[in-house]
């Protein structure tokens, strides 16, 4: 029984560490538009742009932050709307106001430090 409790604690502690590696802004610091953007981001963007599990070797999309695509909101809107060769467009899924909300939320995300490549 102690072995199982120790294993659960280890997984829990590792999960906290993984969550801390990807800092997200606190809800009380976001505007209503950014909160909407966060909810839409969690629904449609997180699966590719955030490493969700400790055991996952990688994620599909790039890290997103306020500096993504040079920090240019118009370019962010265009990429979210029309997609890229590696990402679907969302102009038929989201209204323009929703895309603006996602851009507003992404602009709150801090720049991630470069990860250490495996040796």
Protein backbone atom coordinates (compact mmCIF):
# COMPACT_ATOMS: atom_id res chain seq x y z
CA UNK A 1 0.00 0.00 0.00
CA UNK A 2 2.85 2.40 0.79
CA UNK A 3 4.34 1.68 -2.64
CA UNK A 4 1.10 2.72 -4.36
CA UNK A 5 0.81 5.87 -2.24
CA UNK A 6 4.41 6.74 -3.09
CA UNK A 7 3.78 6.22 -6.79
CA UNK A 8 0.64 8.37 -6.68
CA UNK A 9 2.56 11.13 -4.88
CA UNK A 10 5.36 10.97 -7.46
CA UNK A 11 2.92 11.29 -10.37
CA UNK A 12 1.11 14.12 -8.60
CA UNK A 13 4.35 16.00 -7.93
CA UNK A 14 5.50 15.51 -11.52
CA UNK A 15 2.15 16.81 -12.78
CA UNK A 16 2.51 19.96 -10.72
CA UNK A 17 6.01 20.45 -12.09
CA UNK A 18 4.75 20.04 -15.66
CA UNK A 19 1.94 22.53 -15.07
CA UNK A 20 4.38 25.04 -13.63
CA UNK A 21 6.59 24.68 -16.71
CA UNK A 22 3.85 26.27 -18.84
CA UNK A 23 2.78 29.40 -16.94
CA UNK A 24 -0.68 30.68 -17.72
CA UNK A 25 -2.05 34.01 -16.50
CA UNK A 26 -4.35 33.92 -13.47
CA UNK A 27 -8.05 34.32 -14.24
CA UNK A 28 -8.37 37.42 -12.09
CA UNK A 29 -5.79 39.23 -14.25
CA UNK A 30 -7.71 38.70 -17.51
CA UNK A 31 -10.35 40.93 -19.12
CA UNK A 32 -13.70 39.40 -20.15
CA UNK A 33 -12.44 39.24 -23.75
CA UNK A 34 -9.26 37.46 -22.66
CA UNK A 35 -11.28 35.02 -20.53
CA UNK A 36 -13.39 34.15 -23.57
CA UNK A 37 -10.17 33.76 -25.56
CA UNK A 38 -8.73 31.48 -22.87
CA UNK A 39 -11.82 29.28 -22.95
CA UNK A 40 -11.72 29.02 -26.75
CA UNK A 41 -7.95 28.43 -26.65
CA UNK A 42 -8.42 25.60 -24.13
CA UNK A 43 -11.15 24.14 -26.32
CA UNK A 44 -9.43 24.26 -29.71
CA UNK A 45 -5.75 25.27 -29.48
CA UNK A 46 -4.36 23.66 -26.36
CA UNK A 47 -4.39 20.14 -27.75
CA UNK A 48 -1.65 21.03 -30.25
CA UNK A 49 0.10 24.02 -28.69
CA UNK A 50 0.55 22.82 -25.09
CA UNK A 51 2.28 19.67 -23.91
CA UNK A 52 -0.58 18.08 -21.99
CA UNK A 53 1.02 15.02 -20.43
CA UNK A 54 4.31 14.38 -18.75
CA UNK A 55 4.75 11.23 -20.80
CA UNK A 56 4.08 12.98 -24.13
CA UNK A 57 7.31 13.26 -26.09
CA UNK A 58 6.29 16.53 -27.72
CA UNK A 59 3.44 18.67 -28.96
CA UNK A 60 2.29 19.28 -32.53
CA UNK A 61 2.25 23.07 -32.69
CA UNK A 62 4.70 25.73 -31.66
CA UNK A 63 4.70 27.44 -28.28
CA UNK A 64 2.35 30.40 -28.29
CA UNK A 65 3.12 33.62 -26.48
CA UNK A 66 2.76 37.36 -26.83
CA UNK A 67 5.71 37.21 -29.27
CA UNK A 68 4.21 34.52 -31.53
CA UNK A 69 4.30 35.55 -35.20
CA UNK A 70 6.36 38.59 -34.26
CA UNK A 71 3.67 39.74 -31.83
CA UNK A 72 1.63 41.06 -34.76
CA UNK A 73 -2.06 40.76 -33.96
CA UNK A 74 -3.14 41.03 -37.61
CA UNK A 75 -0.87 38.12 -38.55
CA UNK A 76 -2.18 36.09 -35.59
CA UNK A 77 -5.76 36.72 -36.74
CA UNK A 78 -4.89 35.67 -40.28
CA UNK A 79 -3.18 32.43 -39.20
CA UNK A 80 -6.02 31.50 -36.83
CA UNK A 81 -8.60 32.29 -39.53
CA UNK A 82 -6.92 30.74 -42.56
CA UNK A 83 -4.51 28.24 -41.03
CA UNK A 84 -1.16 27.11 -42.38
CA UNK A 85 -0.02 23.95 -44.17
CA UNK A 86 0.31 22.34 -40.70
CA UNK A 87 -2.68 23.94 -38.95
CA UNK A 88 -6.35 24.11 -39.87
CA UNK A 89 -8.06 27.45 -40.27
CA UNK A 90 -10.88 28.35 -37.90
CA UNK A 91 -12.76 31.04 -39.84
CA UNK A 92 -15.75 28.71 -40.27
CA UNK A 93 -15.57 27.54 -36.66
CA UNK A 94 -15.21 30.88 -34.85
CA UNK A 95 -16.78 34.29 -35.35
CA UNK A 96 -14.33 37.20 -35.93
CA UNK A 97 -14.97 38.42 -32.36
CA UNK A 98 -13.99 35.00 -31.03
CA UNK A 99 -10.77 35.02 -33.05
CA UNK A 100 -10.04 38.49 -31.65
CA UNK A 101 -10.58 37.07 -28.15
CA UNK A 102 -8.11 34.24 -28.80
CA UNK A 103 -5.54 36.75 -30.08
CA UNK A 104 -6.14 38.90 -27.00
CA UNK A 105 -5.53 35.87 -24.75
CA UNK A 106 -2.41 34.73 -26.63
CA UNK A 107 -1.01 38.25 -26.14
CA UNK A 108 -1.13 37.59 -22.36
CA UNK A 109 0.98 34.42 -22.54
CA UNK A 110 4.59 34.86 -21.44
CA UNK A 111 7.47 33.88 -23.69
CA UNK A 112 8.65 30.36 -22.89
CA UNK A 113 12.34 29.86 -22.16
CA UNK A 114 14.06 27.64 -24.71
CA UNK A 115 13.91 23.98 -23.78
CA UNK A 116 17.11 22.05 -23.25
CA UNK A 117 17.69 19.78 -26.24
CA UNK A 118 18.49 16.15 -25.44
CA UNK A 119 22.17 15.31 -25.42
